[in-house]
C-alpha atoms as a PDB file:
ATOM      1  CA  MET A   1     177.175  64.454 134.216  1.00  0.00           C
ATOM      2  CA  ARG A   2     173.792  64.654 134.885  1.00  0.00           C
ATOM      3  CA  THR A   3     174.818  65.407 138.802  1.00  0.00           C
ATOM      4  CA  ARG A   4     177.013  68.343 137.892  1.00  0.00           C
ATOM      5  CA  LEU A   5     174.535  69.614 135.065  1.00  0.00           C
ATOM      6  CA  PRO A   6     172.483  71.857 137.606  1.00  0.00           C
ATOM      7  CA  ALA A   7     175.547  73.321 139.354  1.00  0.00           C
ATOM      8  CA  PHE A   8     176.810  74.283 135.833  1.00  0.00           C
ATOM      9  CA  LEU A   9     173.676  75.847 134.816  1.00  0.00           C
ATOM     10  CA  ALA A  10     173.260  77.890 138.217  1.00  0.00           C
ATOM     11  CA  ALA A  11     176.880  78.937 137.822  1.00  0.00           C
ATOM     12  CA  LEU A  12     176.397  80.061 134.321  1.00  0.00           C
ATOM     13  CA  TRP A  13     173.017  82.036 135.436  1.00  0.00           C
ATOM     14  CA  TRP A  14     174.833  83.563 138.363  1.00  0.00           C
ATOM     15  CA  GLY A  15     178.229  84.159 136.675  1.00  0.00           C
ATOM     16  CA  SER A  16     176.246  85.922 133.888  1.00  0.00           C
ATOM     17  CA  LEU A  17     174.292  88.246 136.065  1.00  0.00           C
ATOM     18  CA  THR A  18     177.533  89.125 138.009  1.00  0.00           C
ATOM     19  CA  THR A  19     179.712  89.823 134.791  1.00  0.00           C
ATOM     20  CA  ILE A  20     176.830  91.856 133.081  1.00  0.00           C
ATOM     21  CA  GLY A  21     175.663  93.799 135.954  1.00  0.00           C
ATOM     22  CA  LEU A  22     178.501  94.209 138.177  1.00  0.00           C
ATOM     23  CA  LEU A  23     181.386  94.615 135.537  1.00  0.00           C
ATOM     24  CA  VAL A  24     180.406  95.241 131.680  1.00  0.00           C
ATOM     25  CA  VAL A  25     177.492  97.742 132.123  1.00  0.00           C
ATOM     26  CA  PRO A  26     179.217  99.965 134.633  1.00  0.00           C
ATOM     27  CA  LEU A  27     182.309  99.891 132.159  1.00  0.00           C
ATOM     28  CA  LEU A  28     179.945 100.950 129.374  1.00  0.00           C
ATOM     29  CA  PHE A  29     179.000 103.900 131.032  1.00  0.00           C
ATOM     30  CA  VAL A  30     182.644 104.999 131.815  1.00  0.00           C
ATOM     31  CA  HIS A  31     184.107 104.340 128.425  1.00  0.00           C
ATOM     32  CA  LEU A  32     181.634 105.247 126.003  1.00  0.00           C
ATOM     33  CA  PRO A  33     181.192 108.836 124.982  1.00  0.00           C
ATOM     34  CA  THR A  34     177.580 109.562 125.982  1.00  0.00           C
ATOM     35  CA  PRO A  35     175.064 108.060 128.606  1.00  0.00           C
ATOM     36  CA  ALA A  36     172.403 107.649 125.932  1.00  0.00           C
ATOM     37  CA  LEU A  37     174.969 105.338 123.748  1.00  0.00           C
ATOM     38  CA  ALA A  38     176.045 103.238 126.905  1.00  0.00           C
ATOM     39  CA  GLY A  39     172.303 103.021 128.043  1.00  0.00           C
ATOM     40  CA  GLY A  40     171.465 101.701 124.701  1.00  0.00           C
ATOM     41  CA  MET A  41     174.117  99.118 124.755  1.00  0.00           C
ATOM     42  CA  ALA A  42     173.249  98.056 128.218  1.00  0.00           C
ATOM     43  CA  ALA A  43     169.532  97.553 127.205  1.00  0.00           C
ATOM     44  CA  ARG A  44     170.826  95.176 124.613  1.00  0.00           C
ATOM     45  CA  LEU A  45     173.101  93.327 127.061  1.00  0.00           C
ATOM     46  CA  PHE A  46     170.327  93.142 129.818  1.00  0.00           C
ATOM     47  CA  ALA A  47     167.972  91.678 127.099  1.00  0.00           C
ATOM     48  CA  ALA A  48     170.534  88.991 126.088  1.00  0.00           C
ATOM     49  CA  GLN A  49     170.989  88.235 129.808  1.00  0.00           C
ATOM     50  CA  THR A  50     167.213  87.492 130.206  1.00  0.00           C
ATOM     51  CA  TRP A  51     167.417  84.904 127.825  1.00  0.00           C
ATOM     52  CA  VAL A  52     170.485  83.310 129.259  1.00  0.00           C
ATOM     53  CA  ALA A  53     168.523  83.498 132.549  1.00  0.00           C
ATOM     54  CA  VAL A  54     165.435  81.911 130.872  1.00  0.00           C
ATOM     55  CA  VAL A  55     167.185  78.952 129.241  1.00  0.00           C
ATOM     56  CA  CYS A  56     169.338  77.844 132.564  1.00  0.00           C
ATOM     57  CA  CYS A  57     166.001  78.217 134.823  1.00  0.00           C
ATOM     58  CA  VAL A  58     164.003  76.059 132.281  1.00  0.00           C
ATOM     59  CA  LEU A  59     166.636  73.642 132.066  1.00  0.00           C
ATOM     60  CA  LEU A  60     167.168  73.549 135.761  1.00  0.00           C
ATOM     61  CA  LEU A  61     163.230  72.873 136.163  1.00  0.00           C
ATOM     62  CA  LEU A  62     163.516  70.216 133.266  1.00  0.00           C
ATOM     63  CA  VAL A  63     166.309  68.248 135.077  1.00  0.00           C
ATOM     64  CA  SER A  64     164.974  68.717 138.483  1.00  0.00           C
ATOM     65  CA  ARG A  65     163.479  65.280 138.836  1.00  0.00           C
ATOM     66  CA  PRO A  66     164.514  61.906 137.560  1.00  0.00           C
ATOM     67  CA  LYS A  67     162.799  60.783 134.498  1.00  0.00           C
ATOM     68  CA  GLY A  68     159.553  59.194 135.145  1.00  0.00           C
ATOM     69  CA  GLU A  69     159.669  60.095 138.789  1.00  0.00           C
ATOM     70  CA  VAL A  70     157.456  62.493 140.485  1.00  0.00           C
ATOM     71  CA  THR A  71     159.523  63.219 143.290  1.00  0.00           C
ATOM     72  CA  PRO A  72     162.195  65.961 142.470  1.00  0.00           C
ATOM     73  CA  TYR A  73     166.021  65.440 143.360  1.00  0.00           C
ATOM     74  CA  PRO A  74     166.998  67.019 146.970  1.00  0.00           C
ATOM     75  CA  TRP A  75     168.791  69.770 145.189  1.00  0.00           C
ATOM     76  CA  ALA A  76     165.631  70.835 143.433  1.00  0.00           C
ATOM     77  CA  GLN A  77     163.504  70.821 146.491  1.00  0.00           C
ATOM     78  CA  ALA A  78     165.638  73.045 148.319  1.00  0.00           C
ATOM     79  CA  THR A  79     165.940  75.647 145.178  1.00  0.00           C
ATOM     80  CA  MET A  80     162.740  75.325 143.174  1.00  0.00           C
ATOM     81  CA  VAL A  81     161.457  78.680 144.836  1.00  0.00           C
ATOM     82  CA  PHE A  82     164.484  80.234 143.819  1.00  0.00           C
ATOM     83  CA  ILE A  83     164.483  79.168 140.413  1.00  0.00           C
ATOM     84  CA  VAL A  84     160.936  79.994 139.636  1.00  0.00           C
ATOM     85  CA  ALA A  85     161.502  83.544 141.427  1.00  0.00           C
ATOM     86  CA  GLY A  86     164.681  84.181 139.534  1.00  0.00           C
ATOM     87  CA  LEU A  87     162.870  83.138 136.236  1.00  0.00           C
ATOM     88  CA  LEU A  88     159.823  85.528 137.081  1.00  0.00           C
ATOM     89  CA  LEU A  89     162.051  88.329 137.904  1.00  0.00           C
ATOM     90  CA  ALA A  90     163.807  88.270 134.546  1.00  0.00           C
ATOM     91  CA  LEU A  91     160.721  88.064 132.722  1.00  0.00           C
ATOM     92  CA  LEU A  92     159.032  90.996 134.610  1.00  0.00           C
ATOM     93  CA  THR A  93     162.236  93.010 134.452  1.00  0.00           C
ATOM     94  CA  GLN A  94     162.620  92.534 130.708  1.00  0.00           C
ATOM     95  CA  PHE A  95     158.828  93.049 129.520  1.00  0.00           C
ATOM     96  CA  GLY A  96     157.653  95.150 132.500  1.00  0.00           C
ATOM     97  CA  VAL A  97     160.646  97.223 133.647  1.00  0.00           C
ATOM     98  CA  ALA A  98     162.827  97.754 130.571  1.00  0.00           C
ATOM     99  CA  PRO A  99     160.361  98.924 128.482  1.00  0.00           C
ATOM    100  CA  ARG A 100     159.208 101.798 130.978  1.00  0.00           C
ATOM    101  CA  ILE A 101     163.394 102.719 131.132  1.00  0.00           C
ATOM    102  CA  VAL A 102     163.565 102.746 127.136  1.00  0.00           C
ATOM    103  CA  ALA A 103     160.415 104.864 127.078  1.00  0.00           C
ATOM    104  CA  ARG A 104     162.173 107.405 129.625  1.00  0.00           C
ATOM    105  CA  GLN A 105     159.041 107.206 131.899  1.00  0.00           C
ATOM    106  CA  ASP A 106     160.236 108.234 135.393  1.00  0.00           C
ATOM    107  CA  LEU A 107     163.531 106.993 134.944  1.00  0.00           C
ATOM    108  CA  ARG A 108     164.589 107.138 138.601  1.00  0.00           C
ATOM    109  CA  LEU A 109     161.598 104.915 139.761  1.00  0.00           C
ATOM    110  CA  TRP A 110     162.101 102.423 137.076  1.00  0.00           C
ATOM    111  CA  HIS A 111     166.035 102.431 137.268  1.00  0.00           C
ATOM    112  CA  THR A 112     165.691 101.659 141.086  1.00  0.00           C
ATOM    113  CA  VAL A 113     162.622  99.148 140.334  1.00  0.00           C
ATOM    114  CA  GLY A 114     164.744  97.342 137.886  1.00  0.00           C
ATOM    115  CA  SER A 115     167.995  97.355 139.928  1.00  0.00           C
ATOM    116  CA  VAL A 116     166.244  95.807 143.139  1.00  0.00           C
ATOM    117  CA  MET A 117     164.720  93.181 140.672  1.00  0.00           C
ATOM    118  CA  TYR A 118     168.129  92.320 139.230  1.00  0.00           C
ATOM    119  CA  ALA A 119     169.526  92.074 142.455  1.00  0.00           C
ATOM    120  CA  VAL A 120     166.961  89.822 143.944  1.00  0.00           C
ATOM    121  CA  GLN A 121     167.404  87.467 140.942  1.00  0.00           C
ATOM    122  CA  TRP A 122     171.078  87.557 141.469  1.00  0.00           C
ATOM    123  CA  VAL A 123     170.532  86.221 144.950  1.00  0.00           C
ATOM    124  CA  CYS A 124     167.920  83.707 143.600  1.00  0.00           C
ATOM    125  CA  ALA A 125     170.825  82.401 141.272  1.00  0.00           C
ATOM    126  CA  GLY A 126     173.353  82.525 144.024  1.00  0.00           C
ATOM    127  CA  MET A 127     171.086  80.353 146.282  1.00  0.00           C
ATOM    128  CA  THR A 128     170.460  78.074 143.449  1.00  0.00           C
ATOM    129  CA  LEU A 129     174.304  77.634 142.817  1.00  0.00           C
ATOM    130  CA  TRP A 130     175.100  77.046 146.358  1.00  0.00           C
ATOM    131  CA  ARG A 131     172.264  74.263 146.917  1.00  0.00           C
ATOM    132  CA  THR A 132     173.247  72.638 143.484  1.00  0.00           C
ATOM    133  CA  LEU A 133     177.198  72.367 144.219  1.00  0.00           C
ATOM    134  CA  PRO A 134     177.743  68.875 145.341  1.00  0.00           C
ATOM    135  CA  ALA A 135     178.727  68.350 149.242  1.00  0.00           C
ATOM    136  CA  ARG A 136     182.327  67.760 149.781  1.00  0.00           C
ATOM    137  CA  HIS A 137     183.128  65.432 152.508  1.00  0.00           C
ATOM    138  CA  PRO A 138     186.590  65.523 153.969  1.00  0.00           C
ATOM    139  CA  GLN A 139     188.380  62.089 153.412  1.00  0.00           C
END
């Protein structure tokens, strides 16, 4: 289980980002009666997504090295920068960008900044997933 946990956490992180950002939020704007209603619900979903990302990243950091060892696992050495960057992007988006969007402060700018940060976090999660998947060798 310990060898599969990093891939599971990375898949949860990447999959939740993909589902919320590429499927659920766009559907809110198509099917809810007003953009304001859709925006309010999207803000709640993105806030929840932030905590999914934080939990997954913190757990990935906690399982990145064997107990009592200093040297991280090989998968962790290859992904540490992506995990930390993704964690920071999630927190910066939630506490730096989202309040400006909710306050309707220069919406075009802050939506663009938030979208770019979300996309980069998605790439970080994807790279983490890719590098935590166990290598399959043909038999």
